[in-house]
Every structure is written in structure tokens, then in C-alpha cells.
Amino acid sequence: MYCSVCGNATFSQIPPGDNRLRECCAHCGTVHYVNPRPVVGTIPVWGDQILLCKRAIEPRLGKWTLPAGFMETGESTGAGAVRETVEEAGARVILGPLFSMIDVPHVQQVHIFFRAELLDTEFSIGTESLDVRLFSERDVPWAEIAFRTVSTTLELFFADRARGEFGTYTRALEQAAAPVHLPRA
């Protein structure tokens, strides 16, 4: 790695007063911290249906997801979630309460989803979506959901809706084990 301040090579060390290995620059003294990146999104609801987007980009091209994306500097989590919903689904929503916050440490991310009510059904595909569609719970393409954070959030959402009471959830997802491919006999 190279220092983003002066361009010299960095090295790994535990800086004085710290307790973690960090990339440090011997030339200018900059300590390079790597912090989680927040992903923010909504669970847009219209009656008994939810709005999902089919991804037009990697990762998980062609898979379904809730409208979500990386939070931008200078915006709140709620503002970012609304912005992503407009960008990915062309959907206007009234932002509701925080629903889930899921840590994904192995990719340095935190996924944050808010409940939201669609203002109308005038939605459209965005540059990062191949399709945008309303689904009832029984029609959700579960095997085609892009991310575990989304399937976890949807499972919690539908369970709460069936119970008639919504909570707020936190979870941490561990890295999935790589599949084992055994030689054919």
C-alpha cells in the first residue's frame, strides 16, 4: 500500500497509543485507518407488497435486492436511504423507523435498513437496476436474493408484519464458508 498523503510505501505496525495493526507511513507519519462503510436502504411497502430491484451491476448482477447503497459523506443515514431508493428504483417514499442494522465485518460494512411507505406506484429502473417490481411475501424470489443482509431483513420484516408489531433488529453476519467441491467418483 502507498500513503495517500505523500505517496511513499507504507508498512504495518501498531502505532503508539493504539492496539491494532495499521498501515503507517514512515516518511510523513500518517496512520491509515480502515473503517466500515455504511450501506443504507429502505424496505418500501405498498399495501401488502414490497419493492425489490434486480441488480444491473456486480456484485450479484441479476439478483434481487432492496434499494440500498453506500452512504455519502455529508448525509444522514435516513437521507442516504431515501436517495438510494430514488436512484435505484425511481420510487418516492415516506421514511419510517430504523428496522435493521446488520454488521458484515468480513467486508467492512454495516447495512442499515429503514421501513418506508411508497407514496405511489410510479417507480422505474435506475442505472443500477435491470427491473423494479412489487412482490407479495409468497412471490419474493428468495433463491434470487442478492445478499444475506437483505434476506435476513426481509425474513424479520415479514415475521413482524405477521405478528402485527415491528421491532428494531441488530445482527452480525459471519463470512459464509466456501463450498467444498469433492472430486467425482
N, C-alpha and C. Protein backbone atom coordinates (compact mmCIF):
# COMPACT_ATOMS: atom_id res chain seq x y z
N MET A 1 0.85 -1.17 0.00
CA MET A 1 0.00 0.00 0.00
C MET A 1 0.90 1.23 0.00
N TYR A 2 0.36 2.29 -0.58
CA TYR A 2 1.09 3.55 -0.61
C TYR A 2 0.31 4.62 0.14
N CYS A 3 1.02 5.52 0.73
CA CYS A 3 0.43 6.60 1.53
C CYS A 3 -0.37 7.54 0.62
N SER A 4 -1.60 7.81 0.99
CA SER A 4 -2.44 8.72 0.20
C SER A 4 -2.07 10.18 0.43
N VAL A 5 -1.22 10.45 1.41
CA VAL A 5 -0.79 11.81 1.70
C VAL A 5 0.48 12.17 0.92
N CYS A 6 1.49 11.27 0.97
CA CYS A 6 2.79 11.61 0.36
C CYS A 6 3.23 10.65 -0.73
N GLY A 7 2.56 9.52 -0.89
CA GLY A 7 2.87 8.59 -1.96
C GLY A 7 3.94 7.56 -1.66
N ASN A 8 4.54 7.62 -0.49
CA ASN A 8 5.57 6.64 -0.13
C ASN A 8 4.92 5.33 0.33
N ALA A 9 5.70 4.26 0.28
CA ALA A 9 5.20 2.95 0.72
C ALA A 9 4.89 2.98 2.21
N THR A 10 3.87 2.23 2.59
CA THR A 10 3.51 2.11 4.00
C THR A 10 3.97 0.76 4.52
N PHE A 11 3.91 0.61 5.84
CA PHE A 11 4.24 -0.66 6.47
C PHE A 11 3.25 -0.87 7.60
N SER A 12 3.10 -2.13 8.02
CA SER A 12 2.16 -2.47 9.09
C SER A 12 2.84 -2.40 10.44
N GLN A 13 2.17 -1.73 11.37
CA GLN A 13 2.66 -1.67 12.76
C GLN A 13 1.50 -1.26 13.65
N ILE A 14 1.70 -1.45 14.94
CA ILE A 14 0.74 -0.94 15.92
C ILE A 14 1.28 0.43 16.33
N PRO A 15 0.57 1.50 15.95
CA PRO A 15 1.06 2.85 16.29
C PRO A 15 1.07 3.08 17.80
N PRO A 16 1.94 3.96 18.28
CA PRO A 16 1.96 4.28 19.71
C PRO A 16 0.57 4.74 20.18
N GLY A 17 0.12 4.20 21.30
CA GLY A 17 -1.18 4.55 21.85
C GLY A 17 -2.34 3.81 21.21
N ASP A 18 -2.08 2.94 20.27
CA ASP A 18 -3.13 2.18 19.59
C ASP A 18 -3.03 0.72 20.03
N ASN A 19 -3.97 -0.10 19.61
CA ASN A 19 -3.93 -1.51 19.97
C ASN A 19 -4.17 -2.43 18.77
N ARG A 20 -4.14 -1.85 17.55
CA ARG A 20 -4.39 -2.63 16.35
C ARG A 20 -3.30 -2.37 15.32
N LEU A 21 -3.08 -3.38 14.51
CA LEU A 21 -2.15 -3.25 13.40
C LEU A 21 -2.75 -2.30 12.37
N ARG A 22 -1.98 -1.30 11.95
CA ARG A 22 -2.43 -0.30 10.98
C ARG A 22 -1.35 -0.13 9.91
N GLU A 23 -1.75 0.36 8.76
CA GLU A 23 -0.79 0.76 7.74
C GLU A 23 -0.30 2.16 8.12
N CYS A 24 1.02 2.33 8.18
CA CYS A 24 1.62 3.58 8.61
C CYS A 24 2.67 4.02 7.59
N CYS A 25 2.86 5.32 7.50
CA CYS A 25 3.86 5.87 6.59
C CYS A 25 5.06 6.35 7.40
N ALA A 26 6.23 5.77 7.12
CA ALA A 26 7.45 6.17 7.83
C ALA A 26 7.92 7.56 7.37
N HIS A 27 7.54 7.96 6.17
CA HIS A 27 8.00 9.24 5.63
C HIS A 27 7.27 10.43 6.25
N CYS A 28 5.93 10.40 6.24
CA CYS A 28 5.18 11.57 6.75
C CYS A 28 4.48 11.30 8.08
N GLY A 29 4.47 10.04 8.54
CA GLY A 29 3.88 9.72 9.84
C GLY A 29 2.38 9.47 9.83
N THR A 30 1.74 9.50 8.66
CA THR A 30 0.30 9.28 8.59
C THR A 30 -0.04 7.83 8.96
N VAL A 31 -1.07 7.69 9.80
CA VAL A 31 -1.62 6.37 10.12
C VAL A 31 -2.88 6.22 9.27
N HIS A 32 -2.96 5.15 8.50
CA HIS A 32 -4.10 4.92 7.61
C HIS A 32 -5.10 3.98 8.28
N TYR A 33 -6.22 4.55 8.70
CA TYR A 33 -7.27 3.78 9.35
C TYR A 33 -8.23 3.25 8.28
N VAL A 34 -8.69 2.03 8.46
CA VAL A 34 -9.70 1.45 7.58
C VAL A 34 -10.95 1.26 8.43
N ASN A 35 -12.00 1.98 8.08
CA ASN A 35 -13.23 1.95 8.86
C ASN A 35 -14.37 1.35 8.03
N PRO A 36 -15.39 0.81 8.71
CA PRO A 36 -16.53 0.23 7.98
C PRO A 36 -17.23 1.26 7.10
N ARG A 37 -17.82 0.76 6.02
CA ARG A 37 -18.57 1.60 5.10
C ARG A 37 -20.06 1.32 5.28
N PRO A 38 -20.84 2.34 5.66
CA PRO A 38 -22.28 2.14 5.83
C PRO A 38 -23.00 1.99 4.50
N VAL A 39 -23.87 0.98 4.44
CA VAL A 39 -24.79 0.78 3.33
C VAL A 39 -26.17 1.08 3.89
N VAL A 40 -26.92 1.96 3.22
CA VAL A 40 -28.22 2.37 3.72
C VAL A 40 -29.30 2.09 2.68
N GLY A 41 -30.49 1.72 3.15
CA GLY A 41 -31.57 1.42 2.22
C GLY A 41 -32.92 1.38 2.91
N THR A 42 -33.92 1.07 2.12
CA THR A 42 -35.29 1.03 2.63
C THR A 42 -35.97 -0.30 2.33
N ILE A 43 -37.04 -0.52 3.06
CA ILE A 43 -37.98 -1.61 2.79
C ILE A 43 -39.26 -0.90 2.33
N PRO A 44 -39.35 -0.59 1.03
CA PRO A 44 -40.51 0.17 0.54
C PRO A 44 -41.75 -0.71 0.46
N VAL A 45 -42.83 -0.25 1.09
CA VAL A 45 -44.06 -1.04 1.18
C VAL A 45 -45.19 -0.31 0.46
N TRP A 46 -45.97 -1.10 -0.28
CA TRP A 46 -47.21 -0.63 -0.90
C TRP A 46 -48.27 -1.67 -0.57
N GLY A 47 -49.17 -1.35 0.35
CA GLY A 47 -50.17 -2.33 0.79
C GLY A 47 -49.48 -3.52 1.42
N ASP A 48 -49.72 -4.71 0.86
CA ASP A 48 -49.07 -5.91 1.40
C ASP A 48 -47.86 -6.33 0.57
N GLN A 49 -47.38 -5.44 -0.29
CA GLN A 49 -46.24 -5.75 -1.16
C GLN A 49 -45.01 -4.91 -0.80
N ILE A 50 -43.85 -5.45 -1.18
CA ILE A 50 -42.60 -4.71 -1.00
C ILE A 50 -41.95 -4.53 -2.38
N LEU A 51 -41.16 -3.48 -2.49
CA LEU A 51 -40.49 -3.16 -3.74
C LEU A 51 -39.07 -3.71 -3.73
N LEU A 52 -38.73 -4.48 -4.74
CA LEU A 52 -37.37 -5.01 -4.90
C LEU A 52 -36.80 -4.55 -6.24
N CYS A 53 -35.47 -4.50 -6.29
CA CYS A 53 -34.75 -4.10 -7.50
C CYS A 53 -33.88 -5.27 -7.96
N LYS A 54 -33.85 -5.51 -9.26
CA LYS A 54 -32.95 -6.51 -9.84
C LYS A 54 -31.66 -5.79 -10.23
N ARG A 55 -30.54 -6.24 -9.69
CA ARG A 55 -29.26 -5.56 -9.85
C ARG A 55 -28.74 -5.58 -11.28
N ALA A 56 -28.29 -4.41 -11.76
CA ALA A 56 -27.69 -4.28 -13.09
C ALA A 56 -26.17 -4.21 -13.00
N ILE A 57 -25.63 -4.35 -11.79
CA ILE A 57 -24.19 -4.25 -11.58
C ILE A 57 -23.71 -5.38 -10.68
N GLU A 58 -22.43 -5.62 -10.72
CA GLU A 58 -21.80 -6.55 -9.78
C GLU A 58 -21.57 -5.81 -8.47
N PRO A 59 -21.51 -6.45 -7.35
CA PRO A 59 -21.67 -7.89 -7.20
C PRO A 59 -23.15 -8.31 -7.29
N ARG A 60 -23.34 -9.54 -7.62
CA ARG A 60 -24.67 -10.18 -7.68
C ARG A 60 -25.55 -9.64 -8.80
N LEU A 61 -24.94 -9.38 -9.94
CA LEU A 61 -25.66 -8.95 -11.13
C LEU A 61 -26.83 -9.89 -11.39
N GLY A 62 -28.03 -9.32 -11.63
CA GLY A 62 -29.21 -10.12 -11.95
C GLY A 62 -29.96 -10.66 -10.76
N LYS A 63 -29.48 -10.41 -9.55
CA LYS A 63 -30.16 -10.86 -8.33
C LYS A 63 -31.01 -9.71 -7.77
N TRP A 64 -31.97 -10.07 -6.93
CA TRP A 64 -32.91 -9.09 -6.37
C TRP A 64 -32.42 -8.56 -5.02
N THR A 65 -32.72 -7.30 -4.76
CA THR A 65 -32.32 -6.65 -3.52
C THR A 65 -33.29 -5.55 -3.15
N LEU A 66 -33.22 -5.11 -1.93
CA LEU A 66 -33.91 -3.89 -1.53
C LEU A 66 -33.12 -2.71 -2.09
N PRO A 67 -33.76 -1.58 -2.34
CA PRO A 67 -33.00 -0.42 -2.81
C PRO A 67 -32.06 0.06 -1.70
N ALA A 68 -30.76 0.03 -1.97
CA ALA A 68 -29.76 0.39 -0.97
C ALA A 68 -28.43 0.64 -1.65
N GLY A 69 -27.56 1.34 -0.93
CA GLY A 69 -26.23 1.59 -1.44
C GLY A 69 -25.39 2.32 -0.41
N PHE A 70 -24.18 2.67 -0.79
CA PHE A 70 -23.27 3.31 0.16
C PHE A 70 -23.72 4.72 0.52
N MET A 71 -23.66 4.99 1.80
CA MET A 71 -23.96 6.32 2.33
C MET A 71 -22.88 7.28 1.85
N GLU A 72 -23.28 8.50 1.55
CA GLU A 72 -22.35 9.54 1.09
C GLU A 72 -21.93 10.43 2.26
N THR A 73 -20.75 10.99 2.15
CA THR A 73 -20.29 11.96 3.14
C THR A 73 -21.25 13.14 3.15
N GLY A 74 -21.58 13.62 4.33
CA GLY A 74 -22.44 14.79 4.45
C GLY A 74 -23.92 14.50 4.49
N GLU A 75 -24.32 13.23 4.47
CA GLU A 75 -25.75 12.93 4.56
C GLU A 75 -26.02 12.04 5.77
N SER A 76 -27.24 12.11 6.27
CA SER A 76 -27.64 11.23 7.36
C SER A 76 -27.97 9.85 6.80
N THR A 77 -28.08 8.87 7.68
CA THR A 77 -28.43 7.52 7.22
C THR A 77 -29.81 7.53 6.55
N GLY A 78 -30.75 8.25 7.13
CA GLY A 78 -32.09 8.32 6.55
C GLY A 78 -32.10 9.00 5.19
N ALA A 79 -31.38 10.12 5.07
CA ALA A 79 -31.31 10.82 3.78
C ALA A 79 -30.65 9.94 2.73
N GLY A 80 -29.63 9.20 3.11
CA GLY A 80 -28.96 8.29 2.19
C GLY A 80 -29.89 7.17 1.73
N ALA A 81 -30.69 6.64 2.66
CA ALA A 81 -31.62 5.57 2.32
C ALA A 81 -32.67 6.05 1.32
N VAL A 82 -33.17 7.26 1.53
CA VAL A 82 -34.15 7.83 0.60
C VAL A 82 -33.50 8.09 -0.75
N ARG A 83 -32.29 8.66 -0.76
CA ARG A 83 -31.57 8.92 -2.01
C ARG A 83 -31.37 7.63 -2.81
N GLU A 84 -30.92 6.57 -2.13
CA GLU A 84 -30.70 5.29 -2.81
C GLU A 84 -32.00 4.73 -3.37
N THR A 85 -33.09 4.91 -2.67
CA THR A 85 -34.39 4.42 -3.14
C THR A 85 -34.80 5.14 -4.42
N VAL A 86 -34.55 6.44 -4.46
CA VAL A 86 -34.84 7.22 -5.68
C VAL A 86 -33.90 6.79 -6.80
N GLU A 87 -32.60 6.68 -6.51
CA GLU A 87 -31.62 6.34 -7.55
C GLU A 87 -31.84 4.96 -8.15
N GLU A 88 -32.12 3.98 -7.30
CA GLU A 88 -32.21 2.60 -7.78
C GLU A 88 -33.60 2.20 -8.26
N ALA A 89 -34.64 2.85 -7.72
CA ALA A 89 -35.99 2.41 -8.04
C ALA A 89 -36.89 3.54 -8.54
N GLY A 90 -36.38 4.76 -8.59
CA GLY A 90 -37.22 5.87 -9.01
C GLY A 90 -38.44 6.01 -8.14
N ALA A 91 -38.35 5.56 -6.89
CA ALA A 91 -39.51 5.50 -6.00
C ALA A 91 -39.47 6.61 -4.96
N ARG A 92 -40.62 7.20 -4.75
CA ARG A 92 -40.77 8.22 -3.70
C ARG A 92 -41.36 7.54 -2.46
N VAL A 93 -40.72 7.79 -1.31
CA VAL A 93 -41.16 7.14 -0.07
C VAL A 93 -41.25 8.14 1.07
N ILE A 94 -42.04 7.75 2.05
CA ILE A 94 -42.02 8.41 3.35
C ILE A 94 -41.18 7.50 4.24
N LEU A 95 -40.08 8.02 4.74
CA LEU A 95 -39.18 7.22 5.54
C LEU A 95 -39.79 6.91 6.89
N GLY A 96 -39.74 5.65 7.26
CA GLY A 96 -40.22 5.20 8.56
C GLY A 96 -39.06 4.96 9.51
N PRO A 97 -39.30 4.21 10.57
CA PRO A 97 -38.26 3.99 11.57
C PRO A 97 -37.18 2.99 11.11
N LEU A 98 -36.06 3.07 11.79
CA LEU A 98 -34.99 2.11 11.60
C LEU A 98 -35.55 0.71 11.84
N PHE A 99 -35.20 -0.23 10.97
CA PHE A 99 -35.68 -1.59 11.14
C PHE A 99 -34.55 -2.56 11.46
N SER A 100 -33.49 -2.54 10.65
CA SER A 100 -32.39 -3.47 10.91
C SER A 100 -31.04 -2.80 10.68
N MET A 101 -30.08 -3.25 11.47
CA MET A 101 -28.69 -2.83 11.31
C MET A 101 -27.86 -4.09 11.42
N ILE A 102 -27.22 -4.46 10.31
CA ILE A 102 -26.53 -5.74 10.23
C ILE A 102 -25.05 -5.51 9.93
N ASP A 103 -24.21 -5.96 10.86
CA ASP A 103 -22.77 -5.85 10.68
C ASP A 103 -22.29 -6.96 9.74
N VAL A 104 -21.43 -6.58 8.80
CA VAL A 104 -20.82 -7.54 7.88
C VAL A 104 -19.31 -7.31 7.96
N PRO A 105 -18.68 -7.77 9.07
CA PRO A 105 -17.28 -7.44 9.32
C PRO A 105 -16.31 -7.91 8.25
N HIS A 106 -16.56 -9.04 7.62
CA HIS A 106 -15.59 -9.56 6.64
C HIS A 106 -15.50 -8.72 5.37
N VAL A 107 -16.45 -7.80 5.14
CA VAL A 107 -16.35 -6.87 4.01
C VAL A 107 -16.35 -5.42 4.48
N GLN A 108 -16.10 -5.22 5.77
CA GLN A 108 -16.01 -3.88 6.38
C GLN A 108 -17.24 -3.03 6.10
N GLN A 109 -18.44 -3.61 6.27
CA GLN A 109 -19.68 -2.87 6.01
C GLN A 109 -20.66 -3.03 7.16
N VAL A 110 -21.56 -2.07 7.25
CA VAL A 110 -22.72 -2.12 8.14
C VAL A 110 -23.92 -1.79 7.25
N HIS A 111 -24.91 -2.69 7.19
CA HIS A 111 -26.10 -2.48 6.35
C HIS A 111 -27.24 -2.02 7.25
N ILE A 112 -27.84 -0.88 6.90
CA ILE A 112 -28.87 -0.23 7.71
C ILE A 112 -30.12 -0.07 6.85
N PHE A 113 -31.24 -0.67 7.29
CA PHE A 113 -32.49 -0.59 6.55
C PHE A 113 -33.58 0.08 7.38
N PHE A 114 -34.32 0.97 6.72
CA PHE A 114 -35.46 1.67 7.31
C PHE A 114 -36.74 1.16 6.68
N ARG A 115 -37.80 1.06 7.47
CA ARG A 115 -39.12 0.82 6.89
C ARG A 115 -39.51 2.09 6.13
N ALA A 116 -40.27 1.93 5.06
CA ALA A 116 -40.69 3.09 4.27
C ALA A 116 -42.01 2.78 3.58
N GLU A 117 -42.81 3.80 3.40
CA GLU A 117 -44.09 3.68 2.69
C GLU A 117 -43.94 4.33 1.32
N LEU A 118 -44.28 3.60 0.27
CA LEU A 118 -44.28 4.18 -1.08
C LEU A 118 -45.40 5.22 -1.16
N LEU A 119 -45.13 6.35 -1.78
CA LEU A 119 -46.14 7.39 -1.95
C LEU A 119 -47.07 7.07 -3.12
N ASP A 120 -46.56 6.30 -4.08
CA ASP A 120 -47.35 5.91 -5.25
C ASP A 120 -46.64 4.73 -5.92
N THR A 121 -47.20 4.25 -7.00
CA THR A 121 -46.58 3.13 -7.72
C THR A 121 -45.89 3.61 -9.00
N GLU A 122 -45.51 4.87 -9.02
CA GLU A 122 -44.78 5.45 -10.15
C GLU A 122 -43.29 5.27 -9.91
N PHE A 123 -42.80 4.03 -10.01
CA PHE A 123 -41.37 3.78 -9.85
C PHE A 123 -40.81 3.31 -11.18
N SER A 124 -39.48 3.32 -11.30
CA SER A 124 -38.84 2.96 -12.56
C SER A 124 -37.43 2.47 -12.30
N ILE A 125 -36.85 1.80 -13.28
CA ILE A 125 -35.50 1.29 -13.11
C ILE A 125 -34.51 2.46 -13.09
N GLY A 126 -33.47 2.30 -12.28
CA GLY A 126 -32.38 3.27 -12.25
C GLY A 126 -31.19 2.70 -12.99
N THR A 127 -30.08 3.43 -12.98
CA THR A 127 -28.90 2.98 -13.72
C THR A 127 -28.30 1.70 -13.15
N GLU A 128 -28.60 1.40 -11.89
CA GLU A 128 -28.05 0.20 -11.26
C GLU A 128 -29.07 -0.93 -11.16
N SER A 129 -30.22 -0.76 -11.83
CA SER A 129 -31.29 -1.76 -11.76
C SER A 129 -31.71 -2.22 -13.15
N LEU A 130 -31.95 -3.53 -13.28
CA LEU A 130 -32.48 -4.09 -14.52
C LEU A 130 -34.00 -4.12 -14.49
N ASP A 131 -34.57 -4.21 -13.29
CA ASP A 131 -36.02 -4.33 -13.12
C ASP A 131 -36.35 -3.84 -11.73
N VAL A 132 -37.52 -3.32 -11.55
CA VAL A 132 -38.04 -2.90 -10.25
C VAL A 132 -39.48 -3.38 -10.19
N ARG A 133 -39.82 -4.10 -9.11
CA ARG A 133 -41.12 -4.74 -9.09
C ARG A 133 -41.64 -4.88 -7.66
N LEU A 134 -42.96 -4.83 -7.51
CA LEU A 134 -43.60 -5.10 -6.23
C LEU A 134 -43.82 -6.61 -6.09
N PHE A 135 -43.57 -7.12 -4.87
CA PHE A 135 -43.75 -8.54 -4.59
C PHE A 135 -44.57 -8.72 -3.32
N SER A 136 -45.50 -9.66 -3.35
CA SER A 136 -46.12 -10.10 -2.10
C SER A 136 -45.14 -11.08 -1.45
N GLU A 137 -45.33 -11.35 -0.19
CA GLU A 137 -44.40 -12.23 0.52
C GLU A 137 -44.26 -13.58 -0.18
N ARG A 138 -45.36 -14.17 -0.61
CA ARG A 138 -45.30 -15.50 -1.22
C ARG A 138 -44.60 -15.50 -2.58
N ASP A 139 -44.47 -14.32 -3.22
CA ASP A 139 -43.86 -14.24 -4.54
C ASP A 139 -42.41 -13.74 -4.53
N VAL A 140 -41.87 -13.43 -3.35
CA VAL A 140 -40.49 -12.98 -3.27
C VAL A 140 -39.58 -14.07 -3.84
N PRO A 141 -38.68 -13.73 -4.76
CA PRO A 141 -37.77 -14.73 -5.33
C PRO A 141 -36.62 -15.04 -4.36
N TRP A 142 -36.93 -15.76 -3.30
CA TRP A 142 -35.98 -15.99 -2.20
C TRP A 142 -34.65 -16.56 -2.68
N ALA A 143 -34.67 -17.46 -3.63
CA ALA A 143 -33.43 -18.08 -4.11
C ALA A 143 -32.60 -17.11 -4.95
N GLU A 144 -33.19 -15.99 -5.32
CA GLU A 144 -32.51 -14.99 -6.17
C GLU A 144 -32.22 -13.69 -5.41
N ILE A 145 -32.27 -13.73 -4.08
CA ILE A 145 -31.95 -12.53 -3.30
C ILE A 145 -30.43 -12.36 -3.29
N ALA A 146 -29.97 -11.14 -3.54
CA ALA A 146 -28.55 -10.85 -3.75
C ALA A 146 -27.68 -11.02 -2.50
N PHE A 147 -28.17 -10.59 -1.35
CA PHE A 147 -27.31 -10.51 -0.17
C PHE A 147 -28.02 -11.09 1.06
N ARG A 148 -27.23 -11.69 1.96
CA ARG A 148 -27.80 -12.24 3.20
C ARG A 148 -28.39 -11.15 4.07
N THR A 149 -27.85 -9.95 4.02
CA THR A 149 -28.42 -8.86 4.81
C THR A 149 -29.84 -8.55 4.36
N VAL A 150 -30.08 -8.67 3.07
CA VAL A 150 -31.42 -8.40 2.53
C VAL A 150 -32.37 -9.54 2.88
N SER A 151 -31.95 -10.79 2.70
CA SER A 151 -32.84 -11.90 3.05
C SER A 151 -33.14 -11.91 4.55
N THR A 152 -32.13 -11.62 5.36
CA THR A 152 -32.35 -11.55 6.82
C THR A 152 -33.35 -10.45 7.16
N THR A 153 -33.17 -9.28 6.56
CA THR A 153 -34.08 -8.16 6.82
C THR A 153 -35.49 -8.49 6.37
N LEU A 154 -35.64 -9.10 5.19
CA LEU A 154 -36.97 -9.46 4.71
C LEU A 154 -37.63 -10.50 5.60
N GLU A 155 -36.89 -11.51 6.03
CA GLU A 155 -37.45 -12.53 6.93
C GLU A 155 -37.95 -11.89 8.22
N LEU A 156 -37.15 -11.01 8.80
CA LEU A 156 -37.55 -10.32 10.04
C LEU A 156 -38.78 -9.43 9.79
N PHE A 157 -38.79 -8.74 8.67
CA PHE A 157 -39.90 -7.84 8.33
C PHE A 157 -41.21 -8.62 8.20
N PHE A 158 -41.19 -9.71 7.42
CA PHE A 158 -42.42 -10.47 7.21
C PHE A 158 -42.89 -11.14 8.51
N ALA A 159 -41.97 -11.59 9.35
CA ALA A 159 -42.35 -12.18 10.64
C ALA A 159 -43.00 -11.13 11.53
N ASP A 160 -42.43 -9.93 11.56
CA ASP A 160 -43.02 -8.85 12.37
C ASP A 160 -44.39 -8.44 11.83
N ARG A 161 -44.50 -8.35 10.51
CA ARG A 161 -45.77 -7.96 9.92
C ARG A 161 -46.85 -8.98 10.25
N ALA A 162 -46.52 -10.26 10.22
CA ALA A 162 -47.49 -11.32 10.56
C ALA A 162 -47.90 -11.22 12.02
N ARG A 163 -46.96 -10.83 12.86
CA ARG A 163 -47.23 -10.68 14.30
C ARG A 163 -48.00 -9.40 14.61
N GLY A 164 -47.93 -8.42 13.69
CA GLY A 164 -48.62 -7.15 13.89
C GLY A 164 -47.86 -6.14 14.72
N GLU A 165 -46.58 -6.36 14.90
CA GLU A 165 -45.76 -5.46 15.71
C GLU A 165 -44.33 -5.48 15.17
N PHE A 166 -43.78 -4.28 14.91
CA PHE A 166 -42.44 -4.19 14.34
C PHE A 166 -41.42 -3.84 15.41
N GLY A 167 -40.28 -4.49 15.32
CA GLY A 167 -39.17 -4.21 16.22
C GLY A 167 -38.03 -3.54 15.46
N THR A 168 -36.92 -3.41 16.14
CA THR A 168 -35.67 -2.94 15.54
C THR A 168 -34.63 -4.00 15.84
N TYR A 169 -33.88 -4.39 14.82
CA TYR A 169 -33.00 -5.55 14.94
C TYR A 169 -31.54 -5.22 14.64
N THR A 170 -30.66 -5.87 15.38
CA THR A 170 -29.24 -5.83 15.08
C THR A 170 -28.76 -7.26 14.93
N ARG A 171 -27.86 -7.46 14.00
CA ARG A 171 -27.29 -8.77 13.74
C ARG A 171 -25.85 -8.58 13.29
N ALA A 172 -25.10 -9.66 13.33
CA ALA A 172 -23.76 -9.69 12.75
C ALA A 172 -23.69 -10.95 11.90
N LEU A 173 -23.31 -10.80 10.65
CA LEU A 173 -23.19 -11.94 9.76
C LEU A 173 -21.73 -12.33 9.62
N GLU A 174 -21.46 -13.58 9.88
CA GLU A 174 -20.11 -14.09 9.71
C GLU A 174 -19.91 -14.47 8.25
N GLN A 175 -18.67 -14.53 7.83
CA GLN A 175 -18.37 -14.91 6.47
C GLN A 175 -18.83 -16.34 6.23
N ALA A 176 -19.53 -16.54 5.14
CA ALA A 176 -20.00 -17.88 4.80
C ALA A 176 -18.81 -18.74 4.42
N ALA A 177 -18.86 -19.97 4.84
CA ALA A 177 -17.78 -20.90 4.48
C ALA A 177 -17.79 -21.15 2.99
N ALA A 178 -16.62 -21.28 2.42
CA ALA A 178 -16.51 -21.58 0.99
C ALA A 178 -17.04 -22.99 0.75
N PRO A 179 -17.75 -23.18 -0.36
CA PRO A 179 -18.26 -24.52 -0.64
C PRO A 179 -17.12 -25.51 -0.87
N VAL A 180 -17.32 -26.71 -0.44
CA VAL A 180 -16.33 -27.77 -0.63
C VAL A 180 -16.71 -28.53 -1.88
N HIS A 181 -15.79 -28.62 -2.82
CA HIS A 181 -16.03 -29.37 -4.05
C HIS A 181 -15.25 -30.66 -4.00
N LEU A 182 -15.98 -31.77 -3.87
CA LEU A 182 -15.35 -33.08 -3.80
C LEU A 182 -15.17 -33.64 -5.20
N PRO A 183 -14.07 -34.36 -5.41
CA PRO A 183 -13.88 -34.96 -6.75
C PRO A 183 -14.96 -35.98 -7.02
N ARG A 184 -15.33 -36.06 -8.28
CA ARG A 184 -16.34 -37.06 -8.67
C ARG A 184 -15.72 -38.45 -8.65
N ALA A 185 -16.52 -39.39 -8.24
CA ALA A 185 -16.03 -40.79 -8.16
C ALA A 185 -16.01 -41.42 -9.53
